[in-house]
């Protein structure tokens, strides 16, 4: 699922940036350059959202960019992240016995083979 939140980027005197999400308590990041700050902002947002979802908490609505008050040296940028549910699920699949025998003799993990095949098929 995709999540988009506005982030306030504050330019520091040393050329670094501090990133604060006004809607997300405690979601703060920094970067040594603007490019690095953008990368770090996305990483922080991903971790914050994943933690809140794992904790079964409701995510707050995102503020309108035009309603965010800024100080001198600050700007707002929207940050988008895609968070996937990576929990393992059990599925029952059927394969011919000869395939199972060969998979076992070759030390293959059927779960890994299926995940790799699905990843390849779904990324097309």
PDB file of N, CA and C in Angstrom:
ATOM      1  N   UNK A   1       0.828  -1.162   0.000  1.00  0.00           N
ATOM      2  CA  UNK A   1       0.000   0.000   0.000  1.00  0.00           C
ATOM      3  C   UNK A   1       0.883   1.239   0.000  1.00  0.00           C
ATOM      4  N   UNK A   2       0.459   2.273  -0.691  1.00  0.00           N
ATOM      5  CA  UNK A   2       1.212   3.521  -0.766  1.00  0.00           C
ATOM      6  C   UNK A   2       0.744   4.503   0.298  1.00  0.00           C
ATOM      7  N   UNK A   3       1.705   5.217   0.873  1.00  0.00           N
ATOM      8  CA  UNK A   3       1.427   6.260   1.855  1.00  0.00           C
ATOM      9  C   UNK A   3       2.188   7.512   1.435  1.00  0.00           C
ATOM     10  N   UNK A   4       1.535   8.661   1.539  1.00  0.00           N
ATOM     11  CA  UNK A   4       2.163   9.930   1.179  1.00  0.00           C
ATOM     12  C   UNK A   4       1.934  10.915   2.319  1.00  0.00           C
ATOM     13  N   UNK A   5       3.023  11.490   2.808  1.00  0.00           N
ATOM     14  CA  UNK A   5       2.950  12.489   3.872  1.00  0.00           C
ATOM     15  C   UNK A   5       3.866  13.661   3.537  1.00  0.00           C
ATOM     16  N   UNK A   6       3.448  14.870   3.946  1.00  0.00           N
ATOM     17  CA  UNK A   6       4.328  16.026   3.759  1.00  0.00           C
ATOM     18  C   UNK A   6       5.437  16.014   4.808  1.00  0.00           C
ATOM     19  N   UNK A   7       6.621  16.372   4.374  1.00  0.00           N
ATOM     20  CA  UNK A   7       7.771  16.465   5.270  1.00  0.00           C
ATOM     21  C   UNK A   7       8.331  17.872   5.187  1.00  0.00           C
ATOM     22  N   UNK A   8       8.717  18.405   6.330  1.00  0.00           N
ATOM     23  CA  UNK A   8       9.362  19.718   6.371  1.00  0.00           C
ATOM     24  C   UNK A   8      10.862  19.497   6.364  1.00  0.00           C
ATOM     25  N   UNK A   9      11.517  20.110   5.398  1.00  0.00           N
ATOM     26  CA  UNK A   9      12.975  20.043   5.285  1.00  0.00           C
ATOM     27  C   UNK A   9      13.539  21.367   5.785  1.00  0.00           C
ATOM     28  N   UNK A  10      14.372  21.289   6.807  1.00  0.00           N
ATOM     29  CA  UNK A  10      14.999  22.474   7.375  1.00  0.00           C
ATOM     30  C   UNK A  10      16.478  22.458   7.001  1.00  0.00           C
ATOM     31  N   UNK A  11      16.903  23.505   6.280  1.00  0.00           N
ATOM     32  CA  UNK A  11      18.302  23.612   5.878  1.00  0.00           C
ATOM     33  C   UNK A  11      19.135  24.080   7.071  1.00  0.00           C
ATOM     34  N   UNK A  12      20.152  23.316   7.416  1.00  0.00           N
ATOM     35  CA  UNK A  12      21.047  23.666   8.520  1.00  0.00           C
ATOM     36  C   UNK A  12      22.257  24.435   7.995  1.00  0.00           C
ATOM     37  N   UNK A  13      22.945  25.132   8.883  1.00  0.00           N
ATOM     38  CA  UNK A  13      24.089  25.979   8.496  1.00  0.00           C
ATOM     39  C   UNK A  13      25.228  25.186   7.851  1.00  0.00           C
ATOM     40  N   UNK A  14      25.366  23.911   8.184  1.00  0.00           N
ATOM     41  CA  UNK A  14      26.463  23.105   7.637  1.00  0.00           C
ATOM     42  C   UNK A  14      26.115  22.430   6.308  1.00  0.00           C
ATOM     43  N   UNK A  15      24.949  22.774   5.731  1.00  0.00           N
ATOM     44  CA  UNK A  15      24.543  22.189   4.455  1.00  0.00           C
ATOM     45  C   UNK A  15      23.712  20.928   4.600  1.00  0.00           C
ATOM     46  N   UNK A  16      23.544  20.456   5.817  1.00  0.00           N
ATOM     47  CA  UNK A  16      22.714  19.280   6.054  1.00  0.00           C
ATOM     48  C   UNK A  16      21.256  19.704   6.183  1.00  0.00           C
ATOM     49  N   UNK A  17      20.379  18.708   6.265  1.00  0.00           N
ATOM     50  CA  UNK A  17      18.944  18.976   6.393  1.00  0.00           C
ATOM     51  C   UNK A  17      18.373  18.120   7.513  1.00  0.00           C
ATOM     52  N   UNK A  18      17.483  18.735   8.279  1.00  0.00           N
ATOM     53  CA  UNK A  18      16.683  18.016   9.261  1.00  0.00           C
ATOM     54  C   UNK A  18      15.292  17.866   8.668  1.00  0.00           C
ATOM     55  N   UNK A  19      14.730  16.660   8.776  1.00  0.00           N
ATOM     56  CA  UNK A  19      13.423  16.378   8.184  1.00  0.00           C
ATOM     57  C   UNK A  19      12.451  16.019   9.299  1.00  0.00           C
ATOM     58  N   UNK A  20      11.319  16.712   9.311  1.00  0.00           N
ATOM     59  CA  UNK A  20      10.288  16.477  10.320  1.00  0.00           C
ATOM     60  C   UNK A  20       8.961  16.255   9.605  1.00  0.00           C
ATOM     61  N   UNK A  21       8.227  15.262  10.071  1.00  0.00           N
ATOM     62  CA  UNK A  21       6.874  15.008   9.564  1.00  0.00           C
ATOM     63  C   UNK A  21       5.884  15.609  10.545  1.00  0.00           C
ATOM     64  N   UNK A  22       5.194  16.681  10.173  1.00  0.00           N
ATOM     65  CA  UNK A  22       4.306  17.345  11.127  1.00  0.00           C
ATOM     66  C   UNK A  22       3.128  16.482  11.584  1.00  0.00           C
ATOM     67  N   UNK A  23       2.754  15.492  10.811  1.00  0.00           N
ATOM     68  CA  UNK A  23       1.614  14.638  11.163  1.00  0.00           C
ATOM     69  C   UNK A  23       2.006  13.394  11.939  1.00  0.00           C
ATOM     70  N   UNK A  24       3.297  13.098  12.006  1.00  0.00           N
ATOM     71  CA  UNK A  24       3.758  11.821  12.544  1.00  0.00           C
ATOM     72  C   UNK A  24       4.689  12.048  13.736  1.00  0.00           C
ATOM     73  N   UNK A  25       4.144  11.956  14.910  1.00  0.00           N
ATOM     74  CA  UNK A  25       4.898  12.205  16.133  1.00  0.00           C
ATOM     75  C   UNK A  25       6.133  11.310  16.208  1.00  0.00           C
ATOM     76  N   UNK A  26       7.287  11.941  16.360  1.00  0.00           N
ATOM     77  CA  UNK A  26       8.534  11.206  16.518  1.00  0.00           C
ATOM     78  C   UNK A  26       9.192  10.765  15.231  1.00  0.00           C
ATOM     79  N   UNK A  27       8.585  11.068  14.093  1.00  0.00           N
ATOM     80  CA  UNK A  27       9.187  10.682  12.808  1.00  0.00           C
ATOM     81  C   UNK A  27      10.073  11.832  12.330  1.00  0.00           C
ATOM     82  N   UNK A  28      11.366  11.700  12.595  1.00  0.00           N
ATOM     83  CA  UNK A  28      12.347  12.735  12.295  1.00  0.00           C
ATOM     84  C   UNK A  28      13.549  12.067  11.640  1.00  0.00           C
ATOM     85  N   UNK A  29      14.179  12.777  10.725  1.00  0.00           N
ATOM     86  CA  UNK A  29      15.365  12.236  10.071  1.00  0.00           C
ATOM     87  C   UNK A  29      16.317  13.371   9.737  1.00  0.00           C
ATOM     88  N   UNK A  30      17.500  13.017   9.240  1.00  0.00           N
ATOM     89  CA  UNK A  30      18.495  14.000   8.826  1.00  0.00           C
ATOM     90  C   UNK A  30      19.237  13.480   7.607  1.00  0.00           C
ATOM     91  N   UNK A  31      19.822  14.401   6.872  1.00  0.00           N
ATOM     92  CA  UNK A  31      20.660  14.024   5.747  1.00  0.00           C
ATOM     93  C   UNK A  31      21.783  15.030   5.577  1.00  0.00           C
ATOM     94  N   UNK A  32      22.939  14.547   5.153  1.00  0.00           N
ATOM     95  CA  UNK A  32      24.105  15.428   4.989  1.00  0.00           C
ATOM     96  C   UNK A  32      23.992  16.321   3.773  1.00  0.00           C
ATOM     97  N   UNK A  33      23.119  15.950   2.836  1.00  0.00           N
ATOM     98  CA  UNK A  33      22.856  16.740   1.639  1.00  0.00           C
ATOM     99  C   UNK A  33      21.360  16.631   1.360  1.00  0.00           C
ATOM    100  N   UNK A  34      20.862  17.412   0.421  1.00  0.00           N
ATOM    101  CA  UNK A  34      19.445  17.330   0.096  1.00  0.00           C
ATOM    102  C   UNK A  34      19.102  15.945  -0.452  1.00  0.00           C
ATOM    103  N   UNK A  35      19.936  15.421  -1.325  1.00  0.00           N
ATOM    104  CA  UNK A  35      19.691  14.092  -1.887  1.00  0.00           C
ATOM    105  C   UNK A  35      19.651  13.041  -0.782  1.00  0.00           C
ATOM    106  N   UNK A  36      20.624  13.109   0.128  1.00  0.00           N
ATOM    107  CA  UNK A  36      20.676  12.166   1.236  1.00  0.00           C
ATOM    108  C   UNK A  36      19.473  12.355   2.162  1.00  0.00           C
ATOM    109  N   UNK A  37      19.067  13.591   2.392  1.00  0.00           N
ATOM    110  CA  UNK A  37      17.913  13.870   3.255  1.00  0.00           C
ATOM    111  C   UNK A  37      16.632  13.291   2.659  1.00  0.00           C
ATOM    112  N   UNK A  38      16.473  13.379   1.348  1.00  0.00           N
ATOM    113  CA  UNK A  38      15.299  12.789   0.693  1.00  0.00           C
ATOM    114  C   UNK A  38      15.277  11.275   0.888  1.00  0.00           C
ATOM    115  N   UNK A  39      16.427  10.651   0.709  1.00  0.00           N
ATOM    116  CA  UNK A  39      16.545   9.210   0.906  1.00  0.00           C
ATOM    117  C   UNK A  39      16.233   8.834   2.354  1.00  0.00           C
ATOM    118  N   UNK A  40      16.818   9.571   3.301  1.00  0.00           N
ATOM    119  CA  UNK A  40      16.619   9.289   4.716  1.00  0.00           C
ATOM    120  C   UNK A  40      15.171   9.556   5.144  1.00  0.00           C
ATOM    121  N   UNK A  41      14.537  10.563   4.538  1.00  0.00           N
ATOM    122  CA  UNK A  41      13.137  10.878   4.842  1.00  0.00           C
ATOM    123  C   UNK A  41      12.236   9.720   4.439  1.00  0.00           C
ATOM    124  N   UNK A  42      12.524   9.131   3.306  1.00  0.00           N
ATOM    125  CA  UNK A  42      11.728   7.994   2.839  1.00  0.00           C
ATOM    126  C   UNK A  42      11.945   6.779   3.745  1.00  0.00           C
ATOM    127  N   UNK A  43      13.171   6.544   4.151  1.00  0.00           N
ATOM    128  CA  UNK A  43      13.468   5.422   5.046  1.00  0.00           C
ATOM    129  C   UNK A  43      12.776   5.605   6.396  1.00  0.00           C
ATOM    130  N   UNK A  44      12.810   6.822   6.922  1.00  0.00           N
ATOM    131  CA  UNK A  44      12.175   7.086   8.217  1.00  0.00           C
ATOM    132  C   UNK A  44      10.661   6.897   8.126  1.00  0.00           C
ATOM    133  N   UNK A  45      10.068   7.383   7.043  1.00  0.00           N
ATOM    134  CA  UNK A  45       8.625   7.239   6.868  1.00  0.00           C
ATOM    135  C   UNK A  45       8.238   5.761   6.762  1.00  0.00           C
ATOM    136  N   UNK A  46       9.004   4.996   6.011  1.00  0.00           N
ATOM    137  CA  UNK A  46       8.727   3.565   5.870  1.00  0.00           C
ATOM    138  C   UNK A  46       8.743   2.880   7.226  1.00  0.00           C
ATOM    139  N   UNK A  47       9.792   3.127   8.013  1.00  0.00           N
ATOM    140  CA  UNK A  47       9.903   2.490   9.317  1.00  0.00           C
ATOM    141  C   UNK A  47       8.780   2.931  10.250  1.00  0.00           C
ATOM    142  N   UNK A  48       8.431   4.209  10.217  1.00  0.00           N
ATOM    143  CA  UNK A  48       7.382   4.729  11.095  1.00  0.00           C
ATOM    144  C   UNK A  48       6.049   4.084  10.750  1.00  0.00           C
ATOM    145  N   UNK A  49       5.712   4.044   9.465  1.00  0.00           N
ATOM    146  CA  UNK A  49       4.438   3.461   9.037  1.00  0.00           C
ATOM    147  C   UNK A  49       4.396   1.968   9.367  1.00  0.00           C
ATOM    148  N   UNK A  50       5.467   1.243   9.079  1.00  0.00           N
ATOM    149  CA  UNK A  50       5.495  -0.189   9.376  1.00  0.00           C
ATOM    150  C   UNK A  50       5.300  -0.445  10.865  1.00  0.00           C
ATOM    151  N   UNK A  51       5.945   0.352  11.704  1.00  0.00           N
ATOM    152  CA  UNK A  51       5.812   0.174  13.148  1.00  0.00           C
ATOM    153  C   UNK A  51       4.371   0.426  13.598  1.00  0.00           C
ATOM    154  N   UNK A  52       3.780   1.495  13.108  1.00  0.00           N
ATOM    155  CA  UNK A  52       2.402   1.820  13.494  1.00  0.00           C
ATOM    156  C   UNK A  52       1.430   0.729  13.019  1.00  0.00           C
ATOM    157  N   UNK A  53       1.611   0.253  11.804  1.00  0.00           N
ATOM    158  CA  UNK A  53       0.742  -0.809  11.300  1.00  0.00           C
ATOM    159  C   UNK A  53       0.927  -2.093  12.097  1.00  0.00           C
ATOM    160  N   UNK A  54       2.174  -2.448  12.415  1.00  0.00           N
ATOM    161  CA  UNK A  54       2.441  -3.638  13.224  1.00  0.00           C
ATOM    162  C   UNK A  54       1.820  -3.510  14.615  1.00  0.00           C
ATOM    163  N   UNK A  55       1.749  -2.282  15.116  1.00  0.00           N
ATOM    164  CA  UNK A  55       1.163  -2.021  16.437  1.00  0.00           C
ATOM    165  C   UNK A  55      -0.352  -1.882  16.368  1.00  0.00           C
ATOM    166  N   UNK A  56      -0.900  -2.074  15.169  1.00  0.00           N
ATOM    167  CA  UNK A  56      -2.355  -2.000  14.942  1.00  0.00           C
ATOM    168  C   UNK A  56      -2.934  -0.620  15.260  1.00  0.00           C
ATOM    169  N   UNK A  57      -2.126   0.418  15.062  1.00  0.00           N
ATOM    170  CA  UNK A  57      -2.605   1.788  15.287  1.00  0.00           C
ATOM    171  C   UNK A  57      -3.061   2.384  13.963  1.00  0.00           C
ATOM    172  N   UNK A  58      -4.040   3.252  14.055  1.00  0.00           N
ATOM    173  CA  UNK A  58      -4.553   3.948  12.875  1.00  0.00           C
ATOM    174  C   UNK A  58      -3.584   5.060  12.489  1.00  0.00           C
ATOM    175  N   UNK A  59      -3.269   5.158  11.210  1.00  0.00           N
ATOM    176  CA  UNK A  59      -2.382   6.217  10.745  1.00  0.00           C
ATOM    177  C   UNK A  59      -3.154   7.529  10.629  1.00  0.00           C
ATOM    178  N   UNK A  60      -2.517   8.644  10.979  1.00  0.00           N
ATOM    179  CA  UNK A  60      -3.201   9.930  10.864  1.00  0.00           C
ATOM    180  C   UNK A  60      -3.344  10.350   9.404  1.00  0.00           C
ATOM    181  N   UNK A  61      -4.323  11.207   9.154  1.00  0.00           N
ATOM    182  CA  UNK A  61      -4.468  11.777   7.824  1.00  0.00           C
ATOM    183  C   UNK A  61      -3.312  12.730   7.570  1.00  0.00           C
ATOM    184  N   UNK A  62      -2.938  12.863   6.320  1.00  0.00           N
ATOM    185  CA  UNK A  62      -1.865  13.783   5.943  1.00  0.00           C
ATOM    186  C   UNK A  62      -2.406  15.205   5.868  1.00  0.00           C
ATOM    187  N   UNK A  63      -1.614  16.143   6.355  1.00  0.00           N
ATOM    188  CA  UNK A  63      -1.981  17.556   6.277  1.00  0.00           C
ATOM    189  C   UNK A  63      -1.910  18.050   4.841  1.00  0.00           C
ATOM    190  N   UNK A  64      -2.659  19.065   4.565  1.00  0.00           N
ATOM    191  CA  UNK A  64      -2.565  19.741   3.274  1.00  0.00           C
ATOM    192  C   UNK A  64      -1.270  20.543   3.261  1.00  0.00           C
ATOM    193  N   UNK A  65      -0.516  20.430   2.196  1.00  0.00           N
ATOM    194  CA  UNK A  65       0.779  21.112   2.107  1.00  0.00           C
ATOM    195  C   UNK A  65       0.623  22.618   2.328  1.00  0.00           C
ATOM    196  N   UNK A  66      -0.429  23.207   1.784  1.00  0.00           N
ATOM    197  CA  UNK A  66      -0.633  24.648   1.899  1.00  0.00           C
ATOM    198  C   UNK A  66      -0.944  25.128   3.296  1.00  0.00           C
ATOM    199  N   UNK A  67      -1.277  24.236   4.205  1.00  0.00           N
ATOM    200  CA  UNK A  67      -1.628  24.629   5.569  1.00  0.00           C
ATOM    201  C   UNK A  67      -0.482  24.437   6.558  1.00  0.00           C
ATOM    202  N   UNK A  68       0.681  24.050   6.076  1.00  0.00           N
ATOM    203  CA  UNK A  68       1.820  23.814   6.961  1.00  0.00           C
ATOM    204  C   UNK A  68       2.627  25.104   7.096  1.00  0.00           C
ATOM    205  N   UNK A  69       2.782  25.557   8.336  1.00  0.00           N
ATOM    206  CA  UNK A  69       3.556  26.768   8.620  1.00  0.00           C
ATOM    207  C   UNK A  69       5.048  26.454   8.532  1.00  0.00           C
ATOM    208  N   UNK A  70       5.762  27.325   7.855  1.00  0.00           N
ATOM    209  CA  UNK A  70       7.202  27.123   7.669  1.00  0.00           C
ATOM    210  C   UNK A  70       7.992  28.286   8.250  1.00  0.00           C
ATOM    211  N   UNK A  71       9.175  27.978   8.743  1.00  0.00           N
ATOM    212  CA  UNK A  71      10.111  28.997   9.194  1.00  0.00           C
ATOM    213  C   UNK A  71      11.096  29.275   8.062  1.00  0.00           C
ATOM    214  N   UNK A  72      11.912  30.275   8.249  1.00  0.00           N
ATOM    215  CA  UNK A  72      12.938  30.621   7.262  1.00  0.00           C
ATOM    216  C   UNK A  72      13.871  29.427   7.054  1.00  0.00           C
ATOM    217  N   UNK A  73      14.215  29.149   5.814  1.00  0.00           N
ATOM    218  CA  UNK A  73      15.115  28.043   5.506  1.00  0.00           C
ATOM    219  C   UNK A  73      14.427  26.694   5.446  1.00  0.00           C
ATOM    220  N   UNK A  74      13.101  26.697   5.384  1.00  0.00           N
ATOM    221  CA  UNK A  74      12.363  25.443   5.327  1.00  0.00           C
ATOM    222  C   UNK A  74      11.514  25.361   4.070  1.00  0.00           C
ATOM    223  N   UNK A  75      11.270  24.130   3.632  1.00  0.00           N
ATOM    224  CA  UNK A  75      10.329  23.880   2.545  1.00  0.00           C
ATOM    225  C   UNK A  75       9.644  22.546   2.807  1.00  0.00           C
ATOM    226  N   UNK A  76       8.517  22.347   2.148  1.00  0.00           N
ATOM    227  CA  UNK A  76       7.761  21.107   2.301  1.00  0.00           C
ATOM    228  C   UNK A  76       7.891  20.283   1.033  1.00  0.00           C
ATOM    229  N   UNK A  77       8.033  18.991   1.211  1.00  0.00           N
ATOM    230  CA  UNK A  77       8.056  18.069   0.081  1.00  0.00           C
ATOM    231  C   UNK A  77       7.213  16.851   0.465  1.00  0.00           C
ATOM    232  N   UNK A  78       6.453  16.349  -0.486  1.00  0.00           N
ATOM    233  CA  UNK A  78       5.691  15.130  -0.233  1.00  0.00           C
ATOM    234  C   UNK A  78       6.612  13.926  -0.379  1.00  0.00           C
ATOM    235  N   UNK A  79       6.505  13.007   0.568  1.00  0.00           N
ATOM    236  CA  UNK A  79       7.303  11.786   0.549  1.00  0.00           C
ATOM    237  C   UNK A  79       6.342  10.610   0.427  1.00  0.00           C
ATOM    238  N   UNK A  80       6.629   9.739  -0.539  1.00  0.00           N
ATOM    239  CA  UNK A  80       5.789   8.566  -0.801  1.00  0.00           C
ATOM    240  C   UNK A  80       6.567   7.305  -0.484  1.00  0.00           C
ATOM    241  N   UNK A  81       5.894   6.370   0.190  1.00  0.00           N
ATOM    242  CA  UNK A  81       6.491   5.064   0.445  1.00  0.00           C
ATOM    243  C   UNK A  81       5.479   3.982   0.131  1.00  0.00           C
ATOM    244  N   UNK A  82       6.001   2.838  -0.245  1.00  0.00           N
ATOM    245  CA  UNK A  82       5.175   1.654  -0.462  1.00  0.00           C
ATOM    246  C   UNK A  82       5.526   0.661   0.635  1.00  0.00           C
ATOM    247  N   UNK A  83       4.527   0.295   1.399  1.00  0.00           N
ATOM    248  CA  UNK A  83       4.738  -0.641   2.495  1.00  0.00           C
ATOM    249  C   UNK A  83       4.005  -1.929   2.159  1.00  0.00           C
ATOM    250  N   UNK A  84       4.749  -3.017   2.181  1.00  0.00           N
ATOM    251  CA  UNK A  84       4.171  -4.325   1.885  1.00  0.00           C
ATOM    252  C   UNK A  84       4.113  -5.160   3.141  1.00  0.00           C
ATOM    253  N   UNK A  85       3.085  -5.964   3.242  1.00  0.00           N
ATOM    254  CA  UNK A  85       2.940  -6.883   4.355  1.00  0.00           C
ATOM    255  C   UNK A  85       3.777  -8.118   4.043  1.00  0.00           C
ATOM    256  N   UNK A  86       4.911  -8.265   4.724  1.00  0.00           N
ATOM    257  CA  UNK A  86       5.840  -9.365   4.459  1.00  0.00           C
ATOM    258  C   UNK A  86       5.667 -10.553   5.395  1.00  0.00           C
ATOM    259  N   UNK A  87       4.550 -10.586   6.111  1.00  0.00           N
ATOM    260  CA  UNK A  87       4.324 -11.734   6.985  1.00  0.00           C
ATOM    261  C   UNK A  87       4.160 -13.000   6.139  1.00  0.00           C
ATOM    262  N   UNK A  88       4.697 -14.088   6.640  1.00  0.00           N
ATOM    263  CA  UNK A  88       4.580 -15.365   5.935  1.00  0.00           C
ATOM    264  C   UNK A  88       3.165 -15.919   6.097  1.00  0.00           C
ATOM    265  N   UNK A  89       2.656 -16.499   5.031  1.00  0.00           N
ATOM    266  CA  UNK A  89       1.356 -17.175   5.069  1.00  0.00           C
ATOM    267  C   UNK A  89       1.558 -18.601   4.572  1.00  0.00           C
ATOM    268  N   UNK A  90       0.773 -19.502   5.087  1.00  0.00           N
ATOM    269  CA  UNK A  90       0.852 -20.903   4.640  1.00  0.00           C
ATOM    270  C   UNK A  90      -0.154 -21.111   3.517  1.00  0.00           C
ATOM    271  N   UNK A  91       0.318 -21.748   2.452  1.00  0.00           N
ATOM    272  CA  UNK A  91      -0.537 -22.121   1.318  1.00  0.00           C
ATOM    273  C   UNK A  91      -0.269 -23.580   1.020  1.00  0.00           C
ATOM    274  N   UNK A  92      -1.293 -24.293   0.670  1.00  0.00           N
ATOM    275  CA  UNK A  92      -1.129 -25.686   0.281  1.00  0.00           C
ATOM    276  C   UNK A  92      -1.066 -25.733  -1.235  1.00  0.00           C
ATOM    277  N   UNK A  93       0.008 -26.315  -1.740  1.00  0.00           N
ATOM    278  CA  UNK A  93       0.161 -26.452  -3.190  1.00  0.00           C
ATOM    279  C   UNK A  93       0.386 -27.922  -3.514  1.00  0.00           C
ATOM    280  N   UNK A  94       0.036 -28.287  -4.719  1.00  0.00           N
ATOM    281  CA  UNK A  94       0.225 -29.665  -5.175  1.00  0.00           C
ATOM    282  C   UNK A  94       1.203 -29.677  -6.339  1.00  0.00           C
ATOM    283  N   UNK A  95       2.161 -30.610  -6.265  1.00  0.00           N
ATOM    284  CA  UNK A  95       3.105 -30.809  -7.368  1.00  0.00           C
ATOM    285  C   UNK A  95       3.229 -32.311  -7.593  1.00  0.00           C
ATOM    286  N   UNK A  96       3.634 -32.694  -8.795  1.00  0.00           N
ATOM    287  CA  UNK A  96       3.832 -34.125  -9.048  1.00  0.00           C
ATOM    288  C   UNK A  96       4.926 -34.700  -8.140  1.00  0.00           C
ATOM    289  N   UNK A  97       4.781 -35.961  -7.779  1.00  0.00           N
ATOM    290  CA  UNK A  97       5.730 -36.615  -6.883  1.00  0.00           C
ATOM    291  C   UNK A  97       7.152 -36.564  -7.422  1.00  0.00           C
ATOM    292  N   UNK A  98       7.333 -36.764  -8.739  1.00  0.00           N
ATOM    293  CA  UNK A  98       8.684 -36.760  -9.296  1.00  0.00           C
ATOM    294  C   UNK A  98       9.356 -35.399  -9.095  1.00  0.00           C
ATOM    295  N   UNK A  99       8.560 -34.299  -9.153  1.00  0.00           N
ATOM    296  CA  UNK A  99       9.136 -32.961  -8.924  1.00  0.00           C
ATOM    297  C   UNK A  99       9.560 -32.813  -7.463  1.00  0.00           C
ATOM    298  N   UNK A 100       8.714 -33.315  -6.570  1.00  0.00           N
ATOM    299  CA  UNK A 100       9.043 -33.235  -5.153  1.00  0.00           C
ATOM    300  C   UNK A 100      10.303 -34.038  -4.861  1.00  0.00           C
ATOM    301  N   UNK A 101      10.402 -35.237  -5.433  1.00  0.00           N
ATOM    302  CA  UNK A 101      11.587 -36.085  -5.226  1.00  0.00           C
ATOM    303  C   UNK A 101      12.852 -35.372  -5.707  1.00  0.00           C
ATOM    304  N   UNK A 102      12.792 -34.756  -6.888  1.00  0.00           N
ATOM    305  CA  UNK A 102      13.965 -34.063  -7.420  1.00  0.00           C
ATOM    306  C   UNK A 102      14.299 -32.818  -6.603  1.00  0.00           C
ATOM    307  N   UNK A 103      13.280 -32.105  -6.149  1.00  0.00           N
ATOM    308  CA  UNK A 103      13.521 -30.918  -5.319  1.00  0.00           C
ATOM    309  C   UNK A 103      14.231 -31.315  -4.029  1.00  0.00           C
ATOM    310  N   UNK A 104      13.757 -32.393  -3.395  1.00  0.00           N
ATOM    311  CA  UNK A 104      14.379 -32.868  -2.155  1.00  0.00           C
ATOM    312  C   UNK A 104      15.815 -33.305  -2.420  1.00  0.00           C
ATOM    313  N   UNK A 105      16.036 -34.068  -3.493  1.00  0.00           N
ATOM    314  CA  UNK A 105      17.393 -34.563  -3.769  1.00  0.00           C
ATOM    315  C   UNK A 105      18.359 -33.436  -4.130  1.00  0.00           C
ATOM    316  N   UNK A 106      17.823 -32.320  -4.619  1.00  0.00           N
ATOM    317  CA  UNK A 106      18.671 -31.176  -4.956  1.00  0.00           C
ATOM    318  C   UNK A 106      18.741 -30.141  -3.823  1.00  0.00           C
ATOM    319  N   UNK A 107      18.094 -30.440  -2.709  1.00  0.00           N
ATOM    320  CA  UNK A 107      18.142 -29.537  -1.563  1.00  0.00           C
ATOM    321  C   UNK A 107      17.421 -28.218  -1.783  1.00  0.00           C
ATOM    322  N   UNK A 108      16.402 -28.237  -2.632  1.00  0.00           N
ATOM    323  CA  UNK A 108      15.665 -27.011  -2.919  1.00  0.00           C
ATOM    324  C   UNK A 108      14.572 -26.759  -1.891  1.00  0.00           C
ATOM    325  N   UNK A 109      14.410 -25.514  -1.552  1.00  0.00           N
ATOM    326  CA  UNK A 109      13.299 -25.111  -0.699  1.00  0.00           C
ATOM    327  C   UNK A 109      12.134 -24.743  -1.618  1.00  0.00           C
ATOM    328  N   UNK A 110      11.033 -25.488  -1.514  1.00  0.00           N
ATOM    329  CA  UNK A 110       9.892 -25.197  -2.383  1.00  0.00           C
ATOM    330  C   UNK A 110       9.329 -23.810  -2.099  1.00  0.00           C
ATOM    331  N   UNK A 111       9.379 -23.375  -0.858  1.00  0.00           N
ATOM    332  CA  UNK A 111       8.912 -22.026  -0.530  1.00  0.00           C
ATOM    333  C   UNK A 111       9.751 -20.974  -1.254  1.00  0.00           C
ATOM    334  N   UNK A 112      11.065 -21.142  -1.243  1.00  0.00           N
ATOM    335  CA  UNK A 112      11.956 -20.176  -1.898  1.00  0.00           C
ATOM    336  C   UNK A 112      11.745 -20.189  -3.414  1.00  0.00           C
ATOM    337  N   UNK A 113      11.619 -21.392  -3.997  1.00  0.00           N
ATOM    338  CA  UNK A 113      11.403 -21.507  -5.444  1.00  0.00           C
ATOM    339  C   UNK A 113      10.099 -20.823  -5.838  1.00  0.00           C
ATOM    340  N   UNK A 114       9.048 -21.035  -5.067  1.00  0.00           N
ATOM    341  CA  UNK A 114       7.764 -20.413  -5.356  1.00  0.00           C
ATOM    342  C   UNK A 114       7.857 -18.895  -5.210  1.00  0.00           C
ATOM    343  N   UNK A 115       8.503 -18.417  -4.156  1.00  0.00           N
ATOM    344  CA  UNK A 115       8.663 -16.971  -3.961  1.00  0.00           C
ATOM    345  C   UNK A 115       9.444 -16.348  -5.119  1.00  0.00           C
ATOM    346  N   UNK A 116      10.530 -16.989  -5.521  1.00  0.00           N
ATOM    347  CA  UNK A 116      11.327 -16.471  -6.640  1.00  0.00           C
ATOM    348  C   UNK A 116      10.529 -16.436  -7.919  1.00  0.00           C
ATOM    349  N   UNK A 117       9.776 -17.506  -8.189  1.00  0.00           N
ATOM    350  CA  UNK A 117       8.971 -17.583  -9.412  1.00  0.00           C
ATOM    351  C   UNK A 117       7.881 -16.511  -9.415  1.00  0.00           C
ATOM    352  N   UNK A 118       7.203 -16.353  -8.265  1.00  0.00           N
ATOM    353  CA  UNK A 118       6.156 -15.334  -8.181  1.00  0.00           C
ATOM    354  C   UNK A 118       6.717 -13.925  -8.298  1.00  0.00           C
ATOM    355  N   UNK A 119       7.862 -13.685  -7.672  1.00  0.00           N
ATOM    356  CA  UNK A 119       8.517 -12.362  -7.769  1.00  0.00           C
ATOM    357  C   UNK A 119       8.840 -12.041  -9.212  1.00  0.00           C
ATOM    358  N   UNK A 120       9.391 -13.028  -9.907  1.00  0.00           N
ATOM    359  CA  UNK A 120       9.738 -12.841 -11.323  1.00  0.00           C
ATOM    360  C   UNK A 120       8.498 -12.578 -12.152  1.00  0.00           C
ATOM    361  N   UNK A 121       7.451 -13.324 -11.934  1.00  0.00           N
ATOM    362  CA  UNK A 121       6.218 -13.200 -12.706  1.00  0.00           C
ATOM    363  C   UNK A 121       5.501 -11.881 -12.402  1.00  0.00           C
ATOM    364  N   UNK A 122       5.487 -11.479 -11.147  1.00  0.00           N
ATOM    365  CA  UNK A 122       4.753 -10.286 -10.748  1.00  0.00           C
ATOM    366  C   UNK A 122       5.472  -8.982 -11.059  1.00  0.00           C
ATOM    367  N   UNK A 123       6.777  -9.035 -11.275  1.00  0.00           N
ATOM    368  CA  UNK A 123       7.531  -7.812 -11.558  1.00  0.00           C
ATOM    369  C   UNK A 123       7.566  -7.448 -13.029  1.00  0.00           C
ATOM    370  N   UNK A 124       6.931  -8.221 -13.855  1.00  0.00           N
ATOM    371  CA  UNK A 124       6.929  -7.943 -15.302  1.00  0.00           C
ATOM    372  C   UNK A 124       6.124  -6.740 -15.644  1.00  0.00           C
TER     373      UNK A 124
END
